[in-house]
Amino acid sequence: ANKLKRNETLLDMEKSKKIALMLRNATQHTDEYFGSDVKIAYHVTSKILEFENTQQGFDLAATQEVQFTENLIKVGSAILDVSNKKHWDIIQQSDGGTAHLLKHYEDYANTLAQNMRKTYLSPFTIVTPNIVISVDRLRKMNFSGVKLPRYDFIRGKKPEDLETIAILPETIFTLAETKENPKVPTSSSEDENTAPNRKRRQSDSNEQDAIASIIIYWTLGQLLPEHYDPDKRSLRVPKRPVINSPIVSVAVHDNDELLQHQLEKPIRVQYRLFEAEERSKPICVFWNHSIP
């Protein structure tokens, strides 16, 4: 771990797979962690995620080892348990901690989504006690909207919280009408039936798919450092703020690129609140990784 941190040893795919498995075995067979355990697991997991996020195609360990992603998610779930809060509080006095781990997992989900079509990775949903991650294919043709994760398709144990989901609208692949992008009526023409157009319609069915990723963290809100945007105009922080729901990260990739056009209808996130009583003035917030 120290060698990785000091860049004295370089990762490659085989080391990445081996260390991820070792971390999973170590965390799954430990009932209680010391601060050094959490810190080492955090640093090593971060290094593996950083390395994987620089890889493409079949250089990704997940394309060669079926259990690789599950190993990383189970390690994250173990060290992000609320029983480790005192350790994270100390780690985060001098380190990025849980916020950095959040960013690494987000980037990893995006990396898998960007490479799913070219590597033939199968859609998956991994359920752990503290994290759920799902990377799924969406058929763009006649898309009618979807709720993610699609828990109905999960084999095995489902999480207790089935209410926290992201709802993608049916118009997500439609450009919103703007001055720069006005809608124009379409009409049929003889050109539609020309050979080039027929060939275009018969293109690889993969191009009719988009990839969506969602990560749900049930405990992360209790572990993140209490850092707020110093610009008071963006948010007036309550006197005793509490994150009262899971944290959700969702992204959609089309043609292997992150979908970033203006949406006609918003993506909605539905939460299950931890506490319903004696809670007032709820507001939705997000973690801004660009603020130091």
Protein backbone atom coordinates (compact mmCIF):
# COMPACT_ATOMS: atom_id res chain seq x y z
CA ALA A 1 0.00 0.00 0.00
CA ASN A 2 2.78 2.42 0.93
CA LYS A 3 4.67 1.60 -2.27
CA LEU A 4 1.57 2.31 -4.32
CA LYS A 5 1.02 5.57 -2.48
CA ARG A 6 4.62 6.67 -3.06
CA ASN A 7 4.50 5.48 -6.69
CA GLU A 8 7.36 3.06 -6.00
CA THR A 9 5.51 0.28 -7.79
CA LEU A 10 3.35 0.47 -10.89
CA LEU A 11 0.01 -1.21 -11.36
CA ASP A 12 -0.85 -3.40 -14.30
CA MET A 13 -3.92 -5.49 -15.01
CA GLU A 14 -2.68 -8.60 -13.21
CA LYS A 15 -1.68 -6.66 -10.10
CA SER A 16 -4.96 -4.77 -10.18
CA LYS A 17 -6.98 -8.03 -10.25
CA LYS A 18 -4.84 -9.69 -7.59
CA ILE A 19 -4.87 -6.76 -5.14
CA ALA A 20 -8.63 -6.22 -5.56
CA LEU A 21 -9.24 -9.86 -4.63
CA MET A 22 -6.89 -9.63 -1.66
CA LEU A 23 -8.67 -6.51 -0.42
CA ARG A 24 -12.05 -8.17 -0.74
CA ASN A 25 -10.90 -11.23 1.19
CA ALA A 26 -9.34 -9.05 3.89
CA THR A 27 -12.38 -6.82 4.36
CA GLN A 28 -14.95 -9.62 4.19
CA HIS A 29 -13.25 -11.56 6.98
CA THR A 30 -12.81 -8.65 9.38
CA ASP A 31 -15.56 -7.76 11.84
CA GLU A 32 -14.04 -4.55 13.18
CA TYR A 33 -11.47 -2.27 11.59
CA PHE A 34 -8.64 -0.23 13.03
CA GLY A 35 -8.03 3.22 11.59
CA SER A 36 -4.96 1.95 9.75
CA ASP A 37 -7.08 -0.81 8.13
CA VAL A 38 -9.54 1.70 6.71
CA LYS A 39 -6.77 4.06 5.58
CA ILE A 40 -4.80 1.33 3.79
CA ALA A 41 -7.92 -0.12 2.12
CA TYR A 42 -8.98 3.40 1.07
CA HIS A 43 -5.60 4.30 -0.44
CA VAL A 44 -5.15 1.00 -2.27
CA THR A 45 -8.73 0.99 -3.60
CA SER A 46 -8.26 4.57 -4.79
CA LYS A 47 -5.05 3.64 -6.60
CA ILE A 48 -6.73 0.71 -8.35
CA LEU A 49 -9.69 2.86 -9.39
CA GLU A 50 -7.39 5.64 -10.62
CA PHE A 51 -5.45 3.10 -12.68
CA GLU A 52 -8.56 1.46 -14.15
CA ASN A 53 -10.00 4.86 -15.05
CA THR A 54 -7.04 5.41 -17.38
CA GLN A 55 -7.60 2.13 -19.23
CA GLN A 56 -9.69 1.50 -22.33
CA GLY A 57 -11.21 -1.49 -24.07
CA PHE A 58 -9.86 -4.91 -23.21
CA ASP A 59 -7.15 -3.38 -21.03
CA LEU A 60 -9.82 -2.97 -18.34
CA ALA A 61 -9.50 -5.64 -15.67
CA ALA A 62 -13.30 -6.04 -15.63
CA THR A 63 -13.14 -7.47 -19.16
CA GLN A 64 -10.75 -10.21 -18.04
CA GLU A 65 -12.00 -10.96 -14.52
CA VAL A 66 -15.74 -11.41 -13.96
CA GLN A 67 -15.57 -10.69 -10.22
CA PHE A 68 -13.27 -7.68 -10.45
CA THR A 69 -15.89 -4.92 -10.22
CA GLU A 70 -17.78 -6.79 -7.52
CA ASN A 71 -14.56 -7.08 -5.51
CA LEU A 72 -14.01 -3.30 -5.66
CA ILE A 73 -17.61 -2.50 -4.74
CA LYS A 74 -17.60 -4.91 -1.80
CA VAL A 75 -14.39 -3.37 -0.48
CA GLY A 76 -15.95 0.08 -0.77
CA SER A 77 -19.09 -1.07 1.00
CA ALA A 78 -17.05 -2.53 3.86
CA ILE A 79 -14.94 0.55 4.56
CA LEU A 80 -17.88 2.95 4.05
CA ASP A 81 -19.83 1.37 6.87
CA VAL A 82 -20.98 3.90 9.49
CA SER A 83 -19.08 1.95 12.15
CA ASN A 84 -15.93 3.41 10.60
CA LYS A 85 -17.02 7.03 10.98
CA LYS A 86 -14.43 7.85 13.66
CA HIS A 87 -11.68 6.56 11.37
CA TRP A 88 -12.92 8.60 8.40
CA ASP A 89 -13.12 11.74 10.54
CA ILE A 90 -9.39 11.38 11.27
CA ILE A 91 -8.44 10.43 7.69
CA GLN A 92 -10.31 13.42 6.30
CA GLN A 93 -8.37 15.88 8.42
CA SER A 94 -5.46 15.50 5.97
CA ASP A 95 -6.88 13.54 3.03
CA GLY A 96 -9.70 13.62 0.50
CA GLY A 97 -11.27 10.57 2.10
CA THR A 98 -14.83 9.63 1.27
CA ALA A 99 -15.32 12.50 -1.21
CA HIS A 100 -12.35 11.27 -3.26
CA LEU A 101 -13.66 7.72 -3.10
CA LEU A 102 -17.03 8.97 -4.35
CA LYS A 103 -15.34 10.61 -7.34
CA HIS A 104 -13.23 7.53 -8.12
CA TYR A 105 -16.28 5.25 -8.14
CA GLU A 106 -18.21 7.72 -10.31
CA ASP A 107 -15.34 7.83 -12.79
CA TYR A 108 -15.07 4.04 -12.77
CA ALA A 109 -18.77 3.61 -13.55
CA ASN A 110 -18.35 6.10 -16.41
CA THR A 111 -15.31 4.21 -17.71
CA LEU A 112 -17.24 0.94 -17.76
CA ALA A 113 -20.20 2.62 -19.48
CA GLN A 114 -17.98 4.17 -22.14
CA ASN A 115 -16.39 0.80 -22.91
CA MET A 116 -19.38 -1.51 -22.58
CA ARG A 117 -20.28 -1.67 -26.26
CA LYS A 118 -16.74 -2.12 -27.61
CA THR A 119 -15.82 -4.81 -25.06
CA TYR A 120 -19.14 -6.69 -24.98
CA LEU A 121 -19.39 -6.25 -21.21
CA SER A 122 -22.78 -7.40 -19.98
CA PRO A 123 -25.09 -5.10 -18.01
CA PHE A 124 -24.89 -5.75 -14.28
CA THR A 125 -26.24 -4.73 -10.90
CA ILE A 126 -24.20 -5.34 -7.75
CA VAL A 127 -25.95 -5.09 -4.38
CA THR A 128 -23.90 -4.74 -1.19
CA PRO A 129 -24.91 -3.60 2.31
CA ASN A 130 -23.83 0.01 1.72
CA ILE A 131 -23.51 0.46 -2.06
CA VAL A 132 -25.53 -0.51 -5.11
CA ILE A 133 -24.09 -0.03 -8.59
CA SER A 134 -25.85 -0.76 -11.85
CA VAL A 135 -24.66 -0.30 -15.43
CA ASP A 136 -27.44 -0.99 -17.93
CA ARG A 137 -28.24 -0.87 -21.63
CA LEU A 138 -31.09 1.31 -22.86
CA ARG A 139 -32.79 0.80 -26.20
CA LYS A 140 -33.07 4.28 -27.70
CA MET A 141 -35.66 3.36 -30.32
CA ASN A 142 -39.16 3.99 -28.98
CA PHE A 143 -37.66 4.71 -25.55
CA SER A 144 -40.48 5.14 -23.04
CA GLY A 145 -38.47 6.07 -19.96
CA VAL A 146 -37.05 3.82 -17.26
CA LYS A 147 -36.50 3.55 -13.53
CA LEU A 148 -32.97 2.64 -12.44
CA PRO A 149 -31.76 0.35 -10.99
CA ARG A 150 -34.09 -2.22 -12.53
CA TYR A 151 -34.53 -4.25 -9.39
CA ASP A 152 -37.05 -6.56 -11.06
CA PHE A 153 -34.21 -8.11 -13.06
CA ILE A 154 -31.93 -8.76 -10.09
CA ARG A 155 -31.33 -12.37 -9.22
CA GLY A 156 -30.70 -13.06 -5.57
CA LYS A 157 -31.05 -10.72 -2.62
CA LYS A 158 -32.55 -7.30 -3.24
CA PRO A 159 -31.75 -4.26 -1.06
CA GLU A 160 -34.18 -3.21 1.65
CA ASP A 161 -34.56 0.22 0.07
CA LEU A 162 -36.31 -0.22 -3.28
CA GLU A 163 -37.66 3.34 -3.25
CA THR A 164 -34.43 5.21 -4.02
CA ILE A 165 -34.23 5.29 -7.81
CA ALA A 166 -33.47 7.54 -10.77
CA ILE A 167 -36.25 8.09 -13.29
CA LEU A 168 -35.09 8.76 -16.84
CA PRO A 169 -37.72 10.53 -18.98
CA GLU A 170 -38.85 9.24 -22.35
CA THR A 171 -37.39 12.37 -23.97
CA ILE A 172 -33.85 11.95 -22.63
CA PHE A 173 -32.45 11.27 -26.11
CA THR A 174 -34.31 14.23 -27.60
CA LEU A 175 -32.64 17.61 -27.83
CA ALA A 176 -34.58 20.28 -25.97
CA GLU A 177 -35.97 23.08 -28.11
CA THR A 178 -33.74 26.16 -27.86
CA LYS A 179 -32.96 29.18 -30.01
CA GLU A 180 -29.84 27.39 -31.21
CA ASN A 181 -31.74 24.16 -31.77
CA PRO A 182 -35.26 24.97 -33.01
CA LYS A 183 -37.58 22.11 -33.81
CA VAL A 184 -38.49 21.84 -37.46
CA PRO A 185 -41.25 19.74 -39.00
CA THR A 186 -40.10 16.63 -40.80
CA SER A 187 -41.54 15.41 -44.07
CA SER A 188 -41.08 12.34 -46.17
CA SER A 189 -39.19 12.47 -49.43
CA GLU A 190 -38.07 10.14 -52.13
CA ASP A 191 -34.54 10.35 -50.73
CA GLU A 192 -35.60 8.38 -47.65
CA ASN A 193 -35.68 5.19 -49.67
CA THR A 194 -32.27 5.57 -51.26
CA ALA A 195 -29.63 2.91 -50.65
CA PRO A 196 -27.44 5.04 -48.31
CA ASN A 197 -30.41 5.68 -46.03
CA ARG A 198 -31.40 2.04 -46.01
CA LYS A 199 -27.83 1.15 -45.12
CA ARG A 200 -27.87 3.73 -42.31
CA ARG A 201 -31.04 2.21 -40.87
CA GLN A 202 -29.48 -1.23 -41.00
CA SER A 203 -26.40 -0.16 -39.04
CA ASP A 204 -25.07 -2.12 -36.11
CA SER A 205 -27.82 -2.56 -33.52
CA ASN A 206 -25.31 -1.54 -30.86
CA GLU A 207 -25.67 2.03 -32.09
CA GLN A 208 -29.30 1.88 -31.02
CA ASP A 209 -28.21 1.36 -27.42
CA ALA A 210 -27.23 3.89 -24.81
CA ILE A 211 -25.61 3.02 -21.49
CA ALA A 212 -26.80 4.29 -18.12
CA SER A 213 -24.98 3.97 -14.80
CA ILE A 214 -26.28 4.58 -11.31
CA ILE A 215 -24.59 4.27 -7.92
CA ILE A 216 -26.52 4.49 -4.66
CA TYR A 217 -24.59 5.01 -1.42
CA TRP A 218 -26.67 4.42 1.69
CA THR A 219 -24.12 5.42 4.32
CA LEU A 220 -21.89 7.91 2.54
CA GLY A 221 -23.89 10.95 3.67
CA GLN A 222 -22.98 10.23 7.28
CA LEU A 223 -19.27 9.98 6.43
CA LEU A 224 -18.62 12.89 4.05
CA PRO A 225 -16.72 15.82 5.55
CA GLU A 226 -18.89 18.82 6.44
CA HIS A 227 -17.62 21.11 3.72
CA TYR A 228 -19.98 23.62 2.14
CA ASP A 229 -19.75 25.99 -0.79
CA PRO A 230 -18.23 29.21 0.59
CA ASP A 231 -20.42 31.21 -1.81
CA LYS A 232 -23.45 31.83 0.41
CA ARG A 233 -25.51 32.92 -2.59
CA SER A 234 -25.76 29.33 -3.84
CA LEU A 235 -27.11 27.84 -0.62
CA ARG A 236 -28.01 29.02 2.85
CA VAL A 237 -26.79 26.18 5.04
CA PRO A 238 -29.18 25.27 7.88
CA LYS A 239 -27.90 25.52 11.44
CA ARG A 240 -27.82 21.75 11.92
CA PRO A 241 -27.69 20.19 8.45
CA VAL A 242 -28.20 16.44 8.13
CA ILE A 243 -28.02 14.34 4.97
CA ASN A 244 -31.29 12.49 5.34
CA SER A 245 -31.21 10.20 2.33
CA PRO A 246 -28.91 7.99 0.30
CA ILE A 247 -26.52 9.70 -2.13
CA VAL A 248 -27.17 8.96 -5.80
CA SER A 249 -24.88 9.34 -8.80
CA VAL A 250 -26.39 8.78 -12.26
CA ALA A 251 -25.01 9.23 -15.79
CA VAL A 252 -26.10 8.33 -19.32
CA HIS A 253 -23.71 7.62 -22.21
CA ASP A 254 -24.72 7.76 -25.86
CA ASN A 255 -22.25 6.70 -28.57
CA ASP A 256 -19.72 6.14 -25.78
CA GLU A 257 -19.89 9.80 -24.73
CA LEU A 258 -21.45 11.33 -21.64
CA LEU A 259 -24.87 12.75 -22.50
CA GLN A 260 -24.61 16.50 -21.90
CA HIS A 261 -27.25 18.17 -24.06
CA GLN A 262 -30.03 20.22 -22.52
CA LEU A 263 -32.90 17.94 -21.54
CA GLU A 264 -36.49 18.51 -22.57
CA LYS A 265 -37.60 16.88 -19.32
CA PRO A 266 -35.37 16.46 -16.24
CA ILE A 267 -34.01 13.26 -14.78
CA ARG A 268 -35.81 12.79 -11.47
CA VAL A 269 -34.30 11.15 -8.41
CA GLN A 270 -36.63 9.59 -5.88
CA TYR A 271 -35.31 9.13 -2.34
CA ARG A 272 -36.29 7.15 0.68
CA LEU A 273 -35.74 9.38 3.72
CA PHE A 274 -33.91 7.97 6.73
CA GLU A 275 -35.96 10.05 9.17
CA ALA A 276 -39.40 11.49 8.48
CA GLU A 277 -40.17 13.07 11.86
CA GLU A 278 -38.74 16.33 13.19
CA ARG A 279 -37.21 17.18 9.85
CA SER A 280 -37.95 20.51 8.17
CA LYS A 281 -36.99 22.55 5.11
CA PRO A 282 -35.55 19.75 2.96
CA ILE A 283 -33.30 20.85 0.10
CA CYS A 284 -31.52 18.91 -2.64
CA VAL A 285 -27.75 19.33 -2.76
CA PHE A 286 -24.82 17.83 -4.64
CA TRP A 287 -21.13 17.36 -3.98
CA ASN A 288 -19.09 19.70 -6.16
CA HIS A 289 -15.75 18.02 -6.82
CA SER A 290 -14.31 21.21 -8.34
CA ILE A 291 -14.38 23.12 -5.03
CA PRO A 292 -11.06 22.53 -3.18
